[in-house]
Amino acid sequence: MIQAVIRPEKLQEVIISLSKAGVQALTHLDATGRGRQKGIQVGAVRYEELAKAWLMVVVDDEDADRAMETIKIAARTGNPGDGKLFLSSLDEVRTIRTGQVERAAPGMESTGPTGPQG
């Protein structure tokens, strides 16, 4: 799973770029946060937390590098606050409606609604 925290003004560009790269499914949340800069100073006003877009994208292992590079290119402005990418593995993903295991860690069997059998 790739999690990306990006500038909200780059969200549509990232979604379009992912789609062109063959990544259709994603989850987007509006978020606020700050990075190492601890916010920004605009005149006399200090903004501690800034608007961000948080994306969660699940891809096959062999597609992870390409998807991360796509996000990086589309989200980059070259200025501080462009965001972060996080890559993590998933042990198991199940469809709520059917209980079907869609992806499983290496060595786990995908056997339908009841999951791995041992």
PDB file of N, CA and C in Angstrom:
ATOM      1  N   MET A   1       0.848  -1.172   0.000  1.00  0.00           N
ATOM      2  CA  MET A   1       0.000   0.000   0.000  1.00  0.00           C
ATOM      3  C   MET A   1       0.893   1.234   0.000  1.00  0.00           C
ATOM      4  N   ILE A   2       0.542   2.156  -0.853  1.00  0.00           N
ATOM      5  CA  ILE A   2       1.226   3.442  -0.911  1.00  0.00           C
ATOM      6  C   ILE A   2       0.315   4.463  -0.255  1.00  0.00           C
ATOM      7  N   GLN A   3       0.868   5.213   0.677  1.00  0.00           N
ATOM      8  CA  GLN A   3       0.158   6.343   1.252  1.00  0.00           C
ATOM      9  C   GLN A   3       0.944   7.584   0.848  1.00  0.00           C
ATOM     10  N   ALA A   4       0.230   8.555   0.349  1.00  0.00           N
ATOM     11  CA  ALA A   4       0.869   9.789  -0.098  1.00  0.00           C
ATOM     12  C   ALA A   4       0.177  10.963   0.560  1.00  0.00           C
ATOM     13  N   VAL A   5       0.966  11.841   1.154  1.00  0.00           N
ATOM     14  CA  VAL A   5       0.463  13.095   1.699  1.00  0.00           C
ATOM     15  C   VAL A   5       0.997  14.180   0.774  1.00  0.00           C
ATOM     16  N   ILE A   6       0.070  14.858   0.088  1.00  0.00           N
ATOM     17  CA  ILE A   6       0.472  15.803  -0.957  1.00  0.00           C
ATOM     18  C   ILE A   6      -0.272  17.126  -0.800  1.00  0.00           C
ATOM     19  N   ARG A   7       0.155  18.110  -1.573  1.00  0.00           N
ATOM     20  CA  ARG A   7      -0.555  19.388  -1.618  1.00  0.00           C
ATOM     21  C   ARG A   7      -1.927  19.176  -2.258  1.00  0.00           C
ATOM     22  N   PRO A   8      -2.981  19.747  -1.678  1.00  0.00           N
ATOM     23  CA  PRO A   8      -4.317  19.522  -2.247  1.00  0.00           C
ATOM     24  C   PRO A   8      -4.463  20.055  -3.672  1.00  0.00           C
ATOM     25  N   GLU A   9      -3.721  21.081  -4.025  1.00  0.00           N
ATOM     26  CA  GLU A   9      -3.834  21.625  -5.377  1.00  0.00           C
ATOM     27  C   GLU A   9      -3.213  20.694  -6.432  1.00  0.00           C
ATOM     28  N   LYS A  10      -2.475  19.673  -5.997  1.00  0.00           N
ATOM     29  CA  LYS A  10      -1.878  18.716  -6.923  1.00  0.00           C
ATOM     30  C   LYS A  10      -2.688  17.416  -7.013  1.00  0.00           C
ATOM     31  N   LEU A  11      -3.772  17.326  -6.264  1.00  0.00           N
ATOM     32  CA  LEU A  11      -4.543  16.087  -6.188  1.00  0.00           C
ATOM     33  C   LEU A  11      -5.044  15.616  -7.550  1.00  0.00           C
ATOM     34  N   GLN A  12      -5.719  16.471  -8.297  1.00  0.00           N
ATOM     35  CA  GLN A  12      -6.273  16.060  -9.583  1.00  0.00           C
ATOM     36  C   GLN A  12      -5.178  15.639 -10.559  1.00  0.00           C
ATOM     37  N   GLU A  13      -4.068  16.350 -10.541  1.00  0.00           N
ATOM     38  CA  GLU A  13      -2.946  15.985 -11.411  1.00  0.00           C
ATOM     39  C   GLU A  13      -2.413  14.599 -11.061  1.00  0.00           C
ATOM     40  N   VAL A  14      -2.322  14.301  -9.768  1.00  0.00           N
ATOM     41  CA  VAL A  14      -1.851  12.984  -9.327  1.00  0.00           C
ATOM     42  C   VAL A  14      -2.848  11.902  -9.744  1.00  0.00           C
ATOM     43  N   ILE A  15      -4.142  12.141  -9.543  1.00  0.00           N
ATOM     44  CA  ILE A  15      -5.159  11.149  -9.912  1.00  0.00           C
ATOM     45  C   ILE A  15      -5.134  10.876 -11.411  1.00  0.00           C
ATOM     46  N   ILE A  16      -5.035  11.909 -12.214  1.00  0.00           N
ATOM     47  CA  ILE A  16      -4.983  11.743 -13.668  1.00  0.00           C
ATOM     48  C   ILE A  16      -3.724  10.970 -14.076  1.00  0.00           C
ATOM     49  N   SER A  17      -2.601  11.299 -13.471  1.00  0.00           N
ATOM     50  CA  SER A  17      -1.346  10.612 -13.795  1.00  0.00           C
ATOM     51  C   SER A  17      -1.401   9.145 -13.400  1.00  0.00           C
ATOM     52  N   LEU A  18      -1.967   8.849 -12.232  1.00  0.00           N
ATOM     53  CA  LEU A  18      -2.110   7.451 -11.809  1.00  0.00           C
ATOM     54  C   LEU A  18      -3.016   6.694 -12.781  1.00  0.00           C
ATOM     55  N   SER A  19      -4.090   7.323 -13.189  1.00  0.00           N
ATOM     56  CA  SER A  19      -5.014   6.690 -14.127  1.00  0.00           C
ATOM     57  C   SER A  19      -4.312   6.364 -15.440  1.00  0.00           C
ATOM     58  N   LYS A  20      -3.524   7.299 -15.945  1.00  0.00           N
ATOM     59  CA  LYS A  20      -2.767   7.070 -17.183  1.00  0.00           C
ATOM     60  C   LYS A  20      -1.751   5.938 -17.010  1.00  0.00           C
ATOM     61  N   ALA A  21      -1.270   5.750 -15.767  1.00  0.00           N
ATOM     62  CA  ALA A  21      -0.305   4.689 -15.478  1.00  0.00           C
ATOM     63  C   ALA A  21      -0.996   3.363 -15.181  1.00  0.00           C
ATOM     64  N   GLY A  22      -2.334   3.345 -15.278  1.00  0.00           N
ATOM     65  CA  GLY A  22      -3.068   2.101 -15.080  1.00  0.00           C
ATOM     66  C   GLY A  22      -3.539   1.855 -13.664  1.00  0.00           C
ATOM     67  N   VAL A  23      -3.393   2.840 -12.788  1.00  0.00           N
ATOM     68  CA  VAL A  23      -3.847   2.703 -11.396  1.00  0.00           C
ATOM     69  C   VAL A  23      -5.169   3.448 -11.271  1.00  0.00           C
ATOM     70  N   GLN A  24      -6.256   2.709 -11.168  1.00  0.00           N
ATOM     71  CA  GLN A  24      -7.581   3.322 -11.130  1.00  0.00           C
ATOM     72  C   GLN A  24      -8.111   3.479  -9.705  1.00  0.00           C
ATOM     73  N   ALA A  25      -7.871   2.498  -8.845  1.00  0.00           N
ATOM     74  CA  ALA A  25      -8.466   2.480  -7.508  1.00  0.00           C
ATOM     75  C   ALA A  25      -7.599   3.247  -6.517  1.00  0.00           C
ATOM     76  N   LEU A  26      -8.239   4.118  -5.758  1.00  0.00           N
ATOM     77  CA  LEU A  26      -7.538   4.853  -4.708  1.00  0.00           C
ATOM     78  C   LEU A  26      -8.556   5.380  -3.714  1.00  0.00           C
ATOM     79  N   THR A  27      -8.067   5.766  -2.565  1.00  0.00           N
ATOM     80  CA  THR A  27      -8.887   6.431  -1.554  1.00  0.00           C
ATOM     81  C   THR A  27      -8.244   7.766  -1.262  1.00  0.00           C
ATOM     82  N   HIS A  28      -9.060   8.807  -1.160  1.00  0.00           N
ATOM     83  CA  HIS A  28      -8.569  10.159  -0.888  1.00  0.00           C
ATOM     84  C   HIS A  28      -9.267  10.704   0.351  1.00  0.00           C
ATOM     85  N   LEU A  29      -8.504  11.297   1.231  1.00  0.00           N
ATOM     86  CA  LEU A  29      -9.028  11.973   2.410  1.00  0.00           C
ATOM     87  C   LEU A  29      -8.437  13.375   2.482  1.00  0.00           C
ATOM     88  N   ASP A  30      -9.240  14.323   2.934  1.00  0.00           N
ATOM     89  CA  ASP A  30      -8.704  15.648   3.224  1.00  0.00           C
ATOM     90  C   ASP A  30      -8.076  15.588   4.609  1.00  0.00           C
ATOM     91  N   ALA A  31      -6.923  16.202   4.752  1.00  0.00           N
ATOM     92  CA  ALA A  31      -6.196  16.158   6.022  1.00  0.00           C
ATOM     93  C   ALA A  31      -5.528  17.500   6.275  1.00  0.00           C
ATOM     94  N   THR A  32      -5.052  17.686   7.492  1.00  0.00           N
ATOM     95  CA  THR A  32      -4.201  18.824   7.815  1.00  0.00           C
ATOM     96  C   THR A  32      -2.960  18.287   8.502  1.00  0.00           C
ATOM     97  N   GLY A  33      -1.894  19.036   8.406  1.00  0.00           N
ATOM     98  CA  GLY A  33      -0.669  18.590   9.049  1.00  0.00           C
ATOM     99  C   GLY A  33       0.452  19.576   8.819  1.00  0.00           C
ATOM    100  N   ARG A  34       1.602  19.174   9.282  1.00  0.00           N
ATOM    101  CA  ARG A  34       2.796  19.998   9.089  1.00  0.00           C
ATOM    102  C   ARG A  34       4.002  19.094   8.992  1.00  0.00           C
ATOM    103  N   GLY A  35       5.024  19.599   8.369  1.00  0.00           N
ATOM    104  CA  GLY A  35       6.261  18.851   8.202  1.00  0.00           C
ATOM    105  C   GLY A  35       7.342  19.413   9.100  1.00  0.00           C
ATOM    106  N   ARG A  36       8.571  19.227   8.675  1.00  0.00           N
ATOM    107  CA  ARG A  36       9.726  19.690   9.457  1.00  0.00           C
ATOM    108  C   ARG A  36       9.725  21.196   9.671  1.00  0.00           C
ATOM    109  N   GLN A  37       9.063  21.925   8.746  1.00  0.00           N
ATOM    110  CA  GLN A  37       9.045  23.385   8.840  1.00  0.00           C
ATOM    111  C   GLN A  37       8.133  23.858   9.975  1.00  0.00           C
ATOM    112  N   LYS A  38       7.306  22.953  10.499  1.00  0.00           N
ATOM    113  CA  LYS A  38       6.357  23.273  11.571  1.00  0.00           C
ATOM    114  C   LYS A  38       5.389  24.376  11.151  1.00  0.00           C
ATOM    115  N   GLY A  39       4.891  24.274   9.913  1.00  0.00           N
ATOM    116  CA  GLY A  39       3.950  25.266   9.410  1.00  0.00           C
ATOM    117  C   GLY A  39       4.662  26.329   8.597  1.00  0.00           C
ATOM    118  N   ILE A  40       3.929  27.408   8.327  1.00  0.00           N
ATOM    119  CA  ILE A  40       4.521  28.513   7.559  1.00  0.00           C
ATOM    120  C   ILE A  40       4.163  29.846   8.204  1.00  0.00           C
ATOM    121  N   GLN A  41       5.002  30.816   7.951  1.00  0.00           N
ATOM    122  CA  GLN A  41       4.791  32.184   8.425  1.00  0.00           C
ATOM    123  C   GLN A  41       4.414  33.039   7.221  1.00  0.00           C
ATOM    124  N   VAL A  42       3.243  33.698   7.289  1.00  0.00           N
ATOM    125  CA  VAL A  42       2.806  34.605   6.242  1.00  0.00           C
ATOM    126  C   VAL A  42       2.575  35.951   6.905  1.00  0.00           C
ATOM    127  N   GLY A  43       3.519  36.854   6.710  1.00  0.00           N
ATOM    128  CA  GLY A  43       3.442  38.141   7.406  1.00  0.00           C
ATOM    129  C   GLY A  43       3.523  37.913   8.908  1.00  0.00           C
ATOM    130  N   ALA A  44       2.575  38.450   9.646  1.00  0.00           N
ATOM    131  CA  ALA A  44       2.567  38.294  11.098  1.00  0.00           C
ATOM    132  C   ALA A  44       1.833  37.033  11.547  1.00  0.00           C
ATOM    133  N   VAL A  45       1.244  36.322  10.615  1.00  0.00           N
ATOM    134  CA  VAL A  45       0.434  35.147  10.965  1.00  0.00           C
ATOM    135  C   VAL A  45       1.222  33.865  10.723  1.00  0.00           C
ATOM    136  N   ARG A  46       1.181  32.970  11.706  1.00  0.00           N
ATOM    137  CA  ARG A  46       1.825  31.656  11.586  1.00  0.00           C
ATOM    138  C   ARG A  46       0.745  30.591  11.463  1.00  0.00           C
ATOM    139  N   TYR A  47       0.850  29.765  10.418  1.00  0.00           N
ATOM    140  CA  TYR A  47      -0.071  28.657  10.205  1.00  0.00           C
ATOM    141  C   TYR A  47       0.635  27.372  10.625  1.00  0.00           C
ATOM    142  N   GLU A  48       0.181  26.792  11.723  1.00  0.00           N
ATOM    143  CA  GLU A  48       0.822  25.594  12.279  1.00  0.00           C
ATOM    144  C   GLU A  48       0.499  24.349  11.457  1.00  0.00           C
ATOM    145  N   GLU A  49      -0.737  24.245  10.985  1.00  0.00           N
ATOM    146  CA  GLU A  49      -1.134  23.093  10.191  1.00  0.00           C
ATOM    147  C   GLU A  49      -1.672  23.568   8.845  1.00  0.00           C
ATOM    148  N   LEU A  50      -1.330  22.825   7.813  1.00  0.00           N
ATOM    149  CA  LEU A  50      -1.710  23.185   6.454  1.00  0.00           C
ATOM    150  C   LEU A  50      -2.611  22.110   5.859  1.00  0.00           C
ATOM    151  N   ALA A  51      -3.449  22.497   4.924  1.00  0.00           N
ATOM    152  CA  ALA A  51      -4.311  21.546   4.226  1.00  0.00           C
ATOM    153  C   ALA A  51      -3.434  20.597   3.405  1.00  0.00           C
ATOM    154  N   LYS A  52      -3.786  19.325   3.449  1.00  0.00           N
ATOM    155  CA  LYS A  52      -3.093  18.286   2.678  1.00  0.00           C
ATOM    156  C   LYS A  52      -4.123  17.336   2.120  1.00  0.00           C
ATOM    157  N   ALA A  53      -3.753  16.591   1.102  1.00  0.00           N
ATOM    158  CA  ALA A  53      -4.564  15.496   0.578  1.00  0.00           C
ATOM    159  C   ALA A  53      -3.817  14.213   0.913  1.00  0.00           C
ATOM    160  N   TRP A  54      -4.547  13.236   1.424  1.00  0.00           N
ATOM    161  CA  TRP A  54      -3.961  11.951   1.802  1.00  0.00           C
ATOM    162  C   TRP A  54      -4.537  10.897   0.873  1.00  0.00           C
ATOM    163  N   LEU A  55      -3.674  10.235   0.131  1.00  0.00           N
ATOM    164  CA  LEU A  55      -4.085   9.187  -0.799  1.00  0.00           C
ATOM    165  C   LEU A  55      -3.620   7.836  -0.295  1.00  0.00           C
ATOM    166  N   MET A  56      -4.475   6.845  -0.461  1.00  0.00           N
ATOM    167  CA  MET A  56      -4.100   5.459  -0.190  1.00  0.00           C
ATOM    168  C   MET A  56      -4.337   4.681  -1.477  1.00  0.00           C
ATOM    169  N   VAL A  57      -3.294   4.007  -1.939  1.00  0.00           N
ATOM    170  CA  VAL A  57      -3.349   3.271  -3.190  1.00  0.00           C
ATOM    171  C   VAL A  57      -2.764   1.886  -2.939  1.00  0.00           C
ATOM    172  N   VAL A  58      -3.521   0.858  -3.292  1.00  0.00           N
ATOM    173  CA  VAL A  58      -3.028  -0.513  -3.148  1.00  0.00           C
ATOM    174  C   VAL A  58      -2.706  -1.043  -4.535  1.00  0.00           C
ATOM    175  N   VAL A  59      -1.469  -1.464  -4.703  1.00  0.00           N
ATOM    176  CA  VAL A  59      -1.010  -2.003  -5.989  1.00  0.00           C
ATOM    177  C   VAL A  59      -0.248  -3.297  -5.735  1.00  0.00           C
ATOM    178  N   ASP A  60      -0.092  -4.092  -6.787  1.00  0.00           N
ATOM    179  CA  ASP A  60       0.746  -5.278  -6.702  1.00  0.00           C
ATOM    180  C   ASP A  60       2.189  -4.850  -6.489  1.00  0.00           C
ATOM    181  N   ASP A  61       2.983  -5.716  -5.846  1.00  0.00           N
ATOM    182  CA  ASP A  61       4.374  -5.395  -5.535  1.00  0.00           C
ATOM    183  C   ASP A  61       5.145  -4.906  -6.761  1.00  0.00           C
ATOM    184  N   GLU A  62       4.931  -5.560  -7.903  1.00  0.00           N
ATOM    185  CA  GLU A  62       5.699  -5.210  -9.099  1.00  0.00           C
ATOM    186  C   GLU A  62       5.312  -3.843  -9.665  1.00  0.00           C
ATOM    187  N   ASP A  63       4.181  -3.291  -9.224  1.00  0.00           N
ATOM    188  CA  ASP A  63       3.739  -1.980  -9.709  1.00  0.00           C
ATOM    189  C   ASP A  63       4.035  -0.838  -8.728  1.00  0.00           C
ATOM    190  N   ALA A  64       4.554  -1.161  -7.557  1.00  0.00           N
ATOM    191  CA  ALA A  64       4.738  -0.156  -6.505  1.00  0.00           C
ATOM    192  C   ALA A  64       5.714   0.950  -6.903  1.00  0.00           C
ATOM    193  N   ASP A  65       6.868   0.594  -7.442  1.00  0.00           N
ATOM    194  CA  ASP A  65       7.859   1.615  -7.804  1.00  0.00           C
ATOM    195  C   ASP A  65       7.310   2.563  -8.871  1.00  0.00           C
ATOM    196  N   ARG A  66       6.632   2.006  -9.864  1.00  0.00           N
ATOM    197  CA  ARG A  66       6.071   2.826 -10.939  1.00  0.00           C
ATOM    198  C   ARG A  66       4.990   3.759 -10.398  1.00  0.00           C
ATOM    199  N   ALA A  67       4.135   3.245  -9.520  1.00  0.00           N
ATOM    200  CA  ALA A  67       3.076   4.079  -8.945  1.00  0.00           C
ATOM    201  C   ALA A  67       3.668   5.181  -8.072  1.00  0.00           C
ATOM    202  N   MET A  68       4.684   4.853  -7.275  1.00  0.00           N
ATOM    203  CA  MET A  68       5.308   5.870  -6.415  1.00  0.00           C
ATOM    204  C   MET A  68       5.994   6.941  -7.251  1.00  0.00           C
ATOM    205  N   GLU A  69       6.657   6.543  -8.311  1.00  0.00           N
ATOM    206  CA  GLU A  69       7.327   7.513  -9.192  1.00  0.00           C
ATOM    207  C   GLU A  69       6.295   8.408  -9.878  1.00  0.00           C
ATOM    208  N   THR A  70       5.179   7.827 -10.273  1.00  0.00           N
ATOM    209  CA  THR A  70       4.101   8.601 -10.900  1.00  0.00           C
ATOM    210  C   THR A  70       3.576   9.659  -9.948  1.00  0.00           C
ATOM    211  N   ILE A  71       3.338   9.271  -8.700  1.00  0.00           N
ATOM    212  CA  ILE A  71       2.854  10.228  -7.692  1.00  0.00           C
ATOM    213  C   ILE A  71       3.901  11.313  -7.461  1.00  0.00           C
ATOM    214  N   LYS A  72       5.155  10.902  -7.310  1.00  0.00           N
ATOM    215  CA  LYS A  72       6.235  11.864  -7.044  1.00  0.00           C
ATOM    216  C   LYS A  72       6.337  12.918  -8.133  1.00  0.00           C
ATOM    217  N   ILE A  73       6.278  12.493  -9.368  1.00  0.00           N
ATOM    218  CA  ILE A  73       6.397  13.431 -10.488  1.00  0.00           C
ATOM    219  C   ILE A  73       5.194  14.367 -10.537  1.00  0.00           C
ATOM    220  N   ALA A  74       3.996  13.818 -10.388  1.00  0.00           N
ATOM    221  CA  ALA A  74       2.774  14.632 -10.504  1.00  0.00           C
ATOM    222  C   ALA A  74       2.582  15.571  -9.321  1.00  0.00           C
ATOM    223  N   ALA A  75       3.059  15.196  -8.142  1.00  0.00           N
ATOM    224  CA  ALA A  75       2.829  15.996  -6.937  1.00  0.00           C
ATOM    225  C   ALA A  75       3.909  17.052  -6.700  1.00  0.00           C
ATOM    226  N   ARG A  76       5.021  16.943  -7.380  1.00  0.00           N
ATOM    227  CA  ARG A  76       6.180  17.811  -7.095  1.00  0.00           C
ATOM    228  C   ARG A  76       6.002  19.236  -7.608  1.00  0.00           C
ATOM    229  N   THR A  77       6.287  20.190  -6.719  1.00  0.00           N
ATOM    230  CA  THR A  77       6.381  21.597  -7.127  1.00  0.00           C
ATOM    231  C   THR A  77       7.819  22.080  -7.017  1.00  0.00           C
ATOM    232  N   GLY A  78       8.635  21.364  -6.246  1.00  0.00           N
ATOM    233  CA  GLY A  78      10.012  21.779  -6.013  1.00  0.00           C
ATOM    234  C   GLY A  78      10.169  22.646  -4.782  1.00  0.00           C
ATOM    235  N   ASN A  79       9.077  22.882  -4.077  1.00  0.00           N
ATOM    236  CA  ASN A  79       9.103  23.708  -2.873  1.00  0.00           C
ATOM    237  C   ASN A  79       8.889  22.851  -1.630  1.00  0.00           C
ATOM    238  N   PRO A  80       9.346  23.358  -0.462  1.00  0.00           N
ATOM    239  CA  PRO A  80       9.059  22.629   0.774  1.00  0.00           C
ATOM    240  C   PRO A  80       7.555  22.420   0.920  1.00  0.00           C
ATOM    241  N   GLY A  81       7.186  21.267   1.477  1.00  0.00           N
ATOM    242  CA  GLY A  81       5.776  20.978   1.687  1.00  0.00           C
ATOM    243  C   GLY A  81       5.140  20.188   0.557  1.00  0.00           C
ATOM    244  N   ASP A  82       5.949  19.678  -0.370  1.00  0.00           N
ATOM    245  CA  ASP A  82       5.395  18.880  -1.468  1.00  0.00           C
ATOM    246  C   ASP A  82       4.782  17.573  -0.965  1.00  0.00           C
ATOM    247  N   GLY A  83       5.238  17.049   0.151  1.00  0.00           N
ATOM    248  CA  GLY A  83       4.615  15.866   0.729  1.00  0.00           C
ATOM    249  C   GLY A  83       5.565  14.719   0.955  1.00  0.00           C
ATOM    250  N   LYS A  84       4.967  13.579   1.280  1.00  0.00           N
ATOM    251  CA  LYS A  84       5.722  12.355   1.576  1.00  0.00           C
ATOM    252  C   LYS A  84       5.006  11.168   0.965  1.00  0.00           C
ATOM    253  N   LEU A  85       5.786  10.130   0.662  1.00  0.00           N
ATOM    254  CA  LEU A  85       5.271   8.848   0.202  1.00  0.00           C
ATOM    255  C   LEU A  85       5.673   7.782   1.215  1.00  0.00           C
ATOM    256  N   PHE A  86       4.744   6.902   1.533  1.00  0.00           N
ATOM    257  CA  PHE A  86       4.998   5.808   2.468  1.00  0.00           C
ATOM    258  C   PHE A  86       4.593   4.509   1.790  1.00  0.00           C
ATOM    259  N   LEU A  87       5.454   3.506   1.836  1.00  0.00           N
ATOM    260  CA  LEU A  87       5.172   2.210   1.244  1.00  0.00           C
ATOM    261  C   LEU A  87       5.158   1.164   2.346  1.00  0.00           C
ATOM    262  N   SER A  88       4.096   0.384   2.395  1.00  0.00           N
ATOM    263  CA  SER A  88       4.020  -0.685   3.388  1.00  0.00           C
ATOM    264  C   SER A  88       3.374  -1.918   2.770  1.00  0.00           C
ATOM    265  N   SER A  89       3.648  -3.082   3.367  1.00  0.00           N
ATOM    266  CA  SER A  89       3.036  -4.311   2.870  1.00  0.00           C
ATOM    267  C   SER A  89       1.722  -4.557   3.585  1.00  0.00           C
ATOM    268  N   LEU A  90       0.881  -5.300   2.931  1.00  0.00           N
ATOM    269  CA  LEU A  90      -0.397  -5.693   3.509  1.00  0.00           C
ATOM    270  C   LEU A  90      -0.384  -7.203   3.697  1.00  0.00           C
ATOM    271  N   ASP A  91      -0.778  -7.645   4.867  1.00  0.00           N
ATOM    272  CA  ASP A  91      -0.856  -9.085   5.103  1.00  0.00           C
ATOM    273  C   ASP A  91      -2.066  -9.687   4.402  1.00  0.00           C
ATOM    274  N   GLU A  92      -3.165  -8.921   4.406  1.00  0.00           N
ATOM    275  CA  GLU A  92      -4.379  -9.459   3.833  1.00  0.00           C
ATOM    276  C   GLU A  92      -5.348  -8.326   3.537  1.00  0.00           C
ATOM    277  N   VAL A  93      -6.080  -8.462   2.449  1.00  0.00           N
ATOM    278  CA  VAL A  93      -7.127  -7.515   2.103  1.00  0.00           C
ATOM    279  C   VAL A  93      -8.367  -8.324   1.775  1.00  0.00           C
ATOM    280  N   ARG A  94      -9.495  -7.988   2.405  1.00  0.00           N
ATOM    281  CA  ARG A  94     -10.743  -8.713   2.154  1.00  0.00           C
ATOM    282  C   ARG A  94     -11.814  -7.758   1.657  1.00  0.00           C
ATOM    283  N   THR A  95     -12.616  -8.252   0.730  1.00  0.00           N
ATOM    284  CA  THR A  95     -13.768  -7.506   0.267  1.00  0.00           C
ATOM    285  C   THR A  95     -14.860  -7.629   1.326  1.00  0.00           C
ATOM    286  N   ILE A  96     -15.414  -6.512   1.766  1.00  0.00           N
ATOM    287  CA  ILE A  96     -16.416  -6.527   2.821  1.00  0.00           C
ATOM    288  C   ILE A  96     -17.644  -7.328   2.401  1.00  0.00           C
ATOM    289  N   ARG A  97     -18.137  -7.093   1.211  1.00  0.00           N
ATOM    290  CA  ARG A  97     -19.376  -7.745   0.770  1.00  0.00           C
ATOM    291  C   ARG A  97     -19.249  -9.259   0.730  1.00  0.00           C
ATOM    292  N   THR A  98     -18.132  -9.778   0.191  1.00  0.00           N
ATOM    293  CA  THR A  98     -18.002 -11.222  -0.018  1.00  0.00           C
ATOM    294  C   THR A  98     -17.079 -11.910   0.978  1.00  0.00           C
ATOM    295  N   GLY A  99     -16.208 -11.149   1.617  1.00  0.00           N
ATOM    296  CA  GLY A  99     -15.206 -11.750   2.493  1.00  0.00           C
ATOM    297  C   GLY A  99     -14.046 -12.355   1.729  1.00  0.00           C
ATOM    298  N   GLN A 100     -14.058 -12.235   0.412  1.00  0.00           N
ATOM    299  CA  GLN A 100     -13.015 -12.815  -0.416  1.00  0.00           C
ATOM    300  C   GLN A 100     -11.672 -12.161  -0.128  1.00  0.00           C
ATOM    301  N   VAL A 101     -10.633 -12.979  -0.017  1.00  0.00           N
ATOM    302  CA  VAL A 101      -9.274 -12.477   0.151  1.00  0.00           C
ATOM    303  C   VAL A 101      -8.761 -12.099  -1.218  1.00  0.00           C
ATOM    304  N   GLU A 102      -8.443 -10.818  -1.390  1.00  0.00           N
ATOM    305  CA  GLU A 102      -7.975 -10.337  -2.692  1.00  0.00           C
ATOM    306  C   GLU A 102      -6.465 -10.419  -2.824  1.00  0.00           C
ATOM    307  N   ARG A 103      -5.777 -10.153  -1.756  1.00  0.00           N
ATOM    308  CA  ARG A 103      -4.321 -10.205  -1.751  1.00  0.00           C
ATOM    309  C   ARG A 103      -3.915 -10.828  -0.427  1.00  0.00           C
ATOM    310  N   ALA A 104      -2.851 -11.601  -0.463  1.00  0.00           N
ATOM    311  CA  ALA A 104      -2.357 -12.205   0.769  1.00  0.00           C
ATOM    312  C   ALA A 104      -0.837 -12.173   0.760  1.00  0.00           C
ATOM    313  N   ALA A 105      -0.268 -12.202   1.945  1.00  0.00           N
ATOM    314  CA  ALA A 105       1.189 -12.215   2.073  1.00  0.00           C
ATOM    315  C   ALA A 105       1.736 -13.501   1.453  1.00  0.00           C
ATOM    316  N   PRO A 106       3.002 -13.501   1.015  1.00  0.00           N
ATOM    317  CA  PRO A 106       3.587 -14.714   0.448  1.00  0.00           C
ATOM    318  C   PRO A 106       3.434 -15.881   1.414  1.00  0.00           C
ATOM    319  N   GLY A 107       3.037 -17.017   0.871  1.00  0.00           N
ATOM    320  CA  GLY A 107       2.865 -18.205   1.695  1.00  0.00           C
ATOM    321  C   GLY A 107       1.463 -18.385   2.230  1.00  0.00           C
ATOM    322  N   MET A 108       0.611 -17.359   2.125  1.00  0.00           N
ATOM    323  CA  MET A 108      -0.764 -17.486   2.583  1.00  0.00           C
ATOM    324  C   MET A 108      -1.621 -17.885   1.393  1.00  0.00           C
ATOM    325  N   GLU A 109      -2.554 -18.785   1.613  1.00  0.00           N
ATOM    326  CA  GLU A 109      -3.438 -19.194   0.534  1.00  0.00           C
ATOM    327  C   GLU A 109      -4.674 -18.314   0.519  1.00  0.00           C
ATOM    328  N   SER A 110      -5.150 -17.986  -0.651  1.00  0.00           N
ATOM    329  CA  SER A 110      -6.395 -17.256  -0.806  1.00  0.00           C
ATOM    330  C   SER A 110      -7.477 -18.280  -1.127  1.00  0.00           C
ATOM    331  N   THR A 111      -8.342 -18.537  -0.153  1.00  0.00           N
ATOM    332  CA  THR A 111      -9.302 -19.621  -0.322  1.00  0.00           C
ATOM    333  C   THR A 111     -10.736 -19.174  -0.289  1.00  0.00           C
ATOM    334  N   GLY A 112     -11.010 -17.898  -0.522  1.00  0.00           N
ATOM    335  CA  GLY A 112     -12.394 -17.431  -0.551  1.00  0.00           C
ATOM    336  C   GLY A 112     -12.827 -16.819   0.749  1.00  0.00           C
ATOM    337  N   PRO A 113     -14.150 -16.847   1.037  1.00  0.00           N
ATOM    338  CA  PRO A 113     -14.710 -16.099   2.143  1.00  0.00           C
ATOM    339  C   PRO A 113     -14.131 -16.409   3.519  1.00  0.00           C
ATOM    340  N   THR A 114     -13.627 -17.605   3.724  1.00  0.00           N
ATOM    341  CA  THR A 114     -13.110 -17.933   5.062  1.00  0.00           C
ATOM    342  C   THR A 114     -11.644 -17.598   5.211  1.00  0.00           C
ATOM    343  N   GLY A 115     -10.993 -17.214   4.145  1.00  0.00           N
ATOM    344  CA  GLY A 115      -9.595 -16.799   4.218  1.00  0.00           C
ATOM    345  C   GLY A 115      -8.640 -17.978   4.207  1.00  0.00           C
ATOM    346  N   PRO A 116      -7.406 -17.739   4.668  1.00  0.00           N
ATOM    347  CA  PRO A 116      -6.374 -18.779   4.644  1.00  0.00           C
ATOM    348  C   PRO A 116      -6.757 -19.943   5.531  1.00  0.00           C
ATOM    349  N   GLN A 117      -6.482 -21.132   5.047  1.00  0.00           N
ATOM    350  CA  GLN A 117      -6.737 -22.349   5.821  1.00  0.00           C
ATOM    351  C   GLN A 117      -5.400 -22.921   6.275  1.00  0.00           C
ATOM    352  N   GLY A 118      -5.368 -23.468   7.480  1.00  0.00           N
ATOM    353  CA  GLY A 118      -4.100 -23.977   7.944  1.00  0.00           C
ATOM    354  C   GLY A 118      -4.149 -25.313   8.535  1.00  0.00           C
TER     355      GLY A 118
END
